[in-house]
Amino acid sequence: MGKSVYSLLLNDEVVDLIDKMAIMNGTSRSNMVEKILADAVRYETPEIRATNVFSEIERILSGVPTMRYLEQPSSYMASIMSALSYRYNPAIRYSVEIFPNSRHLGQLKVILRTQNPELIEHISDFYSLYALLEKKYYNENAIHIIEKSKFTRLFTFPKTTVTSKQLASILTAFVRDFDELLAVYFSNLTNPNGFAVVEKRFLELKTNKIII
């Protein structure tokens, strides 16, 4: 979606009110005017769509005691906090980002802050296993970036048109599935068939899921 410069003749009092609204919403005058006009013609701009998606994700996660939703400075990004079931229960952050103008829908970044070499090795092994399972059973074109305790997964656009509410459900399910598989993996570290257990649960979770 492109943008152009337009010249409008507006009443000063109207502009003052728009500026106050912009300040209250933490945005610029131009963005506020665009939002007002988009609402009037019932058009969902990329920024409004991202806001609607993250608001719905926050609503969904409000009923999930094991996860905590965190807003970010960017309108196109939010984070979800969880705890890893391993010794001191280190925090793991899922950063979900929606790209406003890109051939990719967005991305998921998974960050585990630790200096423990054993934990880094385990989490890196899980990332590799997860990427392998995705390409085999879910999305053969999925793009993964693995950097020790960090993991990035680019999202592709669904092949079918989805609403903001549906997209929120898809993204939330993706993160929750990832988090569950991570828990399954760590609970089977000493199990010689641990990889097979993770694979089985992956297939159960991903069957009939919309591909992103």
Protein backbone atom coordinates (compact mmCIF):
# COMPACT_ATOMS: atom_id res chain seq x y z
CA MET A 1 0.00 0.00 0.00
CA GLY A 2 1.57 3.27 -1.13
CA LYS A 3 1.29 6.70 0.46
CA SER A 4 1.09 10.13 -1.11
CA VAL A 5 1.06 13.73 0.12
CA TYR A 6 -2.35 15.45 0.04
CA SER A 7 -3.25 19.06 0.76
CA LEU A 8 -6.40 19.56 2.85
CA LEU A 9 -8.13 22.76 3.94
CA LEU A 10 -9.29 22.18 7.53
CA ASN A 11 -10.78 24.26 10.30
CA ASP A 12 -8.16 25.18 12.94
CA GLU A 13 -10.39 24.04 15.79
CA VAL A 14 -10.80 20.64 14.12
CA VAL A 15 -7.04 20.28 13.74
CA ASP A 16 -6.55 21.19 17.41
CA LEU A 17 -8.92 18.41 18.41
CA ILE A 18 -7.15 15.96 16.11
CA ASP A 19 -3.80 16.92 17.64
CA LYS A 20 -5.18 16.23 21.12
CA MET A 21 -6.44 12.84 19.96
CA ALA A 22 -3.03 12.11 18.40
CA ILE A 23 -1.26 12.91 21.67
CA MET A 24 -3.66 10.70 23.64
CA ASN A 25 -3.05 7.84 21.22
CA GLY A 26 0.71 8.38 21.06
CA THR A 27 0.79 8.98 17.33
CA SER A 28 1.28 11.77 14.80
CA ARG A 29 -1.31 14.12 13.31
CA SER A 30 -1.04 12.42 9.91
CA ASN A 31 -1.56 8.96 11.39
CA MET A 32 -4.51 10.20 13.43
CA VAL A 33 -6.17 11.77 10.37
CA GLU A 34 -5.59 8.56 8.41
CA LYS A 35 -7.12 6.47 11.21
CA ILE A 36 -10.19 8.70 11.41
CA LEU A 37 -10.70 8.56 7.64
CA ALA A 38 -10.04 4.81 7.51
CA ASP A 39 -12.62 4.23 10.25
CA ALA A 40 -15.12 6.40 8.39
CA VAL A 41 -14.79 4.38 5.17
CA ARG A 42 -14.32 1.09 7.08
CA TYR A 43 -10.83 0.45 5.70
CA GLU A 44 -8.24 -1.43 7.74
CA THR A 45 -4.80 0.13 7.26
CA PRO A 46 -1.71 -2.02 8.04
CA GLU A 47 -1.28 -0.17 11.35
CA ILE A 48 -4.94 -0.61 12.34
CA ARG A 49 -4.78 -4.28 11.33
CA ALA A 50 -1.69 -4.80 13.50
CA THR A 51 -3.36 -3.03 16.42
CA ASN A 52 -6.47 -5.18 16.04
CA VAL A 53 -4.40 -8.37 15.81
CA PHE A 54 -2.34 -7.63 18.92
CA SER A 55 -5.40 -6.53 20.89
CA GLU A 56 -7.01 -9.87 20.11
CA ILE A 57 -3.83 -11.77 21.00
CA GLU A 58 -3.76 -9.95 24.35
CA ARG A 59 -7.41 -10.90 24.94
CA ILE A 60 -6.77 -14.56 24.13
CA LEU A 61 -3.70 -14.77 26.36
CA SER A 62 -5.51 -13.15 29.28
CA GLY A 63 -6.97 -16.59 29.90
CA VAL A 64 -3.61 -18.40 29.69
CA PRO A 65 -1.95 -18.42 33.14
CA THR A 66 1.41 -19.68 31.83
CA MET A 67 1.91 -16.77 29.43
CA ARG A 68 2.10 -13.01 29.86
CA TYR A 69 1.46 -10.47 27.09
CA LEU A 70 3.78 -7.46 26.85
CA GLU A 71 3.20 -4.44 24.62
CA GLN A 72 6.11 -2.95 22.68
CA PRO A 73 6.89 0.63 21.56
CA SER A 74 6.20 -0.38 17.96
CA SER A 75 2.63 -0.71 16.71
CA TYR A 76 3.72 -3.74 14.72
CA MET A 77 5.28 -5.76 17.52
CA ALA A 78 4.41 -7.41 20.82
CA SER A 79 6.08 -9.90 23.14
CA ILE A 80 4.84 -12.89 25.08
CA MET A 81 6.67 -14.15 28.14
CA SER A 82 6.78 -17.74 29.29
CA ALA A 83 8.95 -19.83 31.61
CA LEU A 84 11.04 -22.81 30.58
CA SER A 85 10.68 -25.93 32.74
CA TYR A 86 14.38 -26.36 33.39
CA ARG A 87 16.11 -25.99 36.75
CA TYR A 88 15.63 -22.31 37.70
CA ASN A 89 12.73 -21.80 35.21
CA PRO A 90 14.45 -19.23 32.97
CA ALA A 91 12.22 -16.75 31.15
CA ILE A 92 11.70 -17.17 27.43
CA ARG A 93 10.46 -14.31 25.26
CA TYR A 94 8.40 -14.70 22.10
CA SER A 95 8.50 -11.53 20.01
CA VAL A 96 5.76 -11.45 17.37
CA GLU A 97 6.14 -8.87 14.60
CA ILE A 98 3.88 -8.01 11.66
CA PHE A 99 5.56 -6.41 8.65
CA PRO A 100 3.50 -3.50 7.22
CA ASN A 101 4.90 -3.72 3.68
CA SER A 102 6.74 -6.92 2.87
CA ARG A 103 6.45 -10.17 0.96
CA HIS A 104 6.44 -11.85 4.37
CA LEU A 105 3.61 -11.55 6.88
CA GLY A 106 6.02 -11.05 9.76
CA GLN A 107 8.24 -13.05 12.06
CA LEU A 108 8.57 -14.76 15.41
CA LYS A 109 11.72 -14.26 17.45
CA VAL A 110 12.40 -16.57 20.37
CA ILE A 111 14.97 -15.41 22.90
CA LEU A 112 16.22 -17.30 25.93
CA ARG A 113 18.60 -15.20 28.00
CA THR A 114 21.12 -17.56 29.58
CA GLN A 115 24.85 -18.07 29.86
CA ASN A 116 24.49 -21.73 30.81
CA PRO A 117 26.35 -23.67 28.06
CA GLU A 118 24.38 -26.86 28.74
CA LEU A 119 21.04 -25.05 28.43
CA ILE A 120 22.22 -23.25 25.27
CA GLU A 121 23.12 -26.58 23.73
CA HIS A 122 19.73 -28.08 24.62
CA ILE A 123 17.74 -25.13 23.30
CA SER A 124 19.78 -25.02 20.10
CA ASP A 125 19.14 -28.74 19.56
CA PHE A 126 15.41 -28.12 20.02
CA TYR A 127 15.44 -25.28 17.49
CA SER A 128 17.11 -27.57 14.94
CA LEU A 129 14.61 -30.35 15.62
CA TYR A 130 11.66 -27.94 15.38
CA ALA A 131 12.90 -26.53 12.06
CA LEU A 132 13.33 -30.07 10.71
CA LEU A 133 9.80 -31.07 11.74
CA GLU A 134 8.29 -27.91 10.24
CA LYS A 135 9.91 -28.48 6.88
CA LYS A 136 8.91 -32.14 6.90
CA TYR A 137 5.31 -31.87 8.07
CA TYR A 138 4.09 -28.27 8.08
CA ASN A 139 5.76 -25.80 5.71
CA GLU A 140 8.59 -27.00 3.51
CA ASN A 141 9.39 -23.40 2.55
CA ALA A 142 9.66 -22.14 6.12
CA ILE A 143 12.65 -19.91 6.80
CA HIS A 144 14.44 -20.39 10.13
CA ILE A 145 17.44 -18.59 11.60
CA ILE A 146 19.17 -20.30 14.53
CA GLU A 147 21.76 -18.45 16.62
CA LYS A 148 22.55 -20.48 19.75
CA SER A 149 19.82 -19.43 22.22
CA LYS A 150 17.97 -17.28 19.65
CA PHE A 151 15.53 -18.48 17.01
CA THR A 152 13.77 -16.59 14.22
CA ARG A 153 10.94 -17.90 12.06
CA LEU A 154 9.60 -15.81 9.17
CA PHE A 155 5.83 -15.99 8.65
CA THR A 156 4.32 -16.42 5.19
CA PHE A 157 0.88 -15.10 4.29
CA PRO A 158 -1.98 -17.61 4.64
CA LYS A 159 -3.20 -18.91 1.29
CA THR A 160 -6.74 -17.96 2.27
CA THR A 161 -8.01 -14.52 3.27
CA VAL A 162 -8.32 -14.16 7.04
CA THR A 163 -9.72 -11.43 9.27
CA SER A 164 -7.63 -9.70 11.94
CA LYS A 165 -9.35 -11.83 14.58
CA GLN A 166 -8.58 -15.04 12.71
CA LEU A 167 -4.96 -13.97 12.14
CA ALA A 168 -4.60 -13.28 15.87
CA SER A 169 -5.85 -16.79 16.64
CA ILE A 170 -3.43 -18.30 14.11
CA LEU A 171 -0.42 -16.41 15.50
CA THR A 172 -1.36 -17.14 19.11
CA ALA A 173 -1.78 -20.84 18.35
CA PHE A 174 1.60 -20.87 16.61
CA VAL A 175 3.35 -19.44 19.68
CA ARG A 176 1.47 -21.68 22.11
CA ASP A 177 2.26 -24.76 20.00
CA PHE A 178 5.94 -23.82 19.94
CA ASP A 179 5.95 -23.28 23.70
CA GLU A 180 4.24 -26.62 24.35
CA LEU A 181 6.66 -28.49 22.10
CA LEU A 182 9.55 -26.83 23.90
CA ALA A 183 8.13 -28.07 27.22
CA VAL A 184 7.67 -31.58 25.81
CA TYR A 185 11.26 -31.59 24.57
CA PHE A 186 12.73 -30.52 27.92
CA SER A 187 10.59 -32.97 29.86
CA ASN A 188 12.06 -35.77 27.72
CA LEU A 189 15.74 -34.83 27.81
CA THR A 190 16.68 -38.14 29.43
CA ASN A 191 14.25 -40.17 27.33
CA PRO A 192 16.06 -42.05 24.53
CA ASN A 193 12.87 -41.69 22.47
CA GLY A 194 12.49 -38.00 23.27
CA PHE A 195 12.71 -36.84 19.64
CA ALA A 196 9.94 -39.27 18.66
CA VAL A 197 7.74 -37.95 21.48
CA VAL A 198 8.22 -34.37 20.23
CA GLU A 199 7.54 -35.47 16.64
CA LYS A 200 4.29 -37.18 17.66
CA ARG A 201 3.06 -34.11 19.55
CA PHE A 202 4.08 -31.85 16.65
CA LEU A 203 1.87 -33.85 14.29
CA GLU A 204 -1.03 -33.70 16.75
CA LEU A 205 -0.73 -29.93 17.10
CA LYS A 206 -0.17 -29.05 13.46
CA THR A 207 -2.76 -31.29 11.78
CA ASN A 208 -5.24 -29.12 9.85
CA LYS A 209 -3.59 -25.86 11.03
CA ILE A 210 -3.43 -22.97 8.54
CA ILE A 211 0.09 -22.66 7.17
CA ILE A 212 1.96 -19.40 7.79
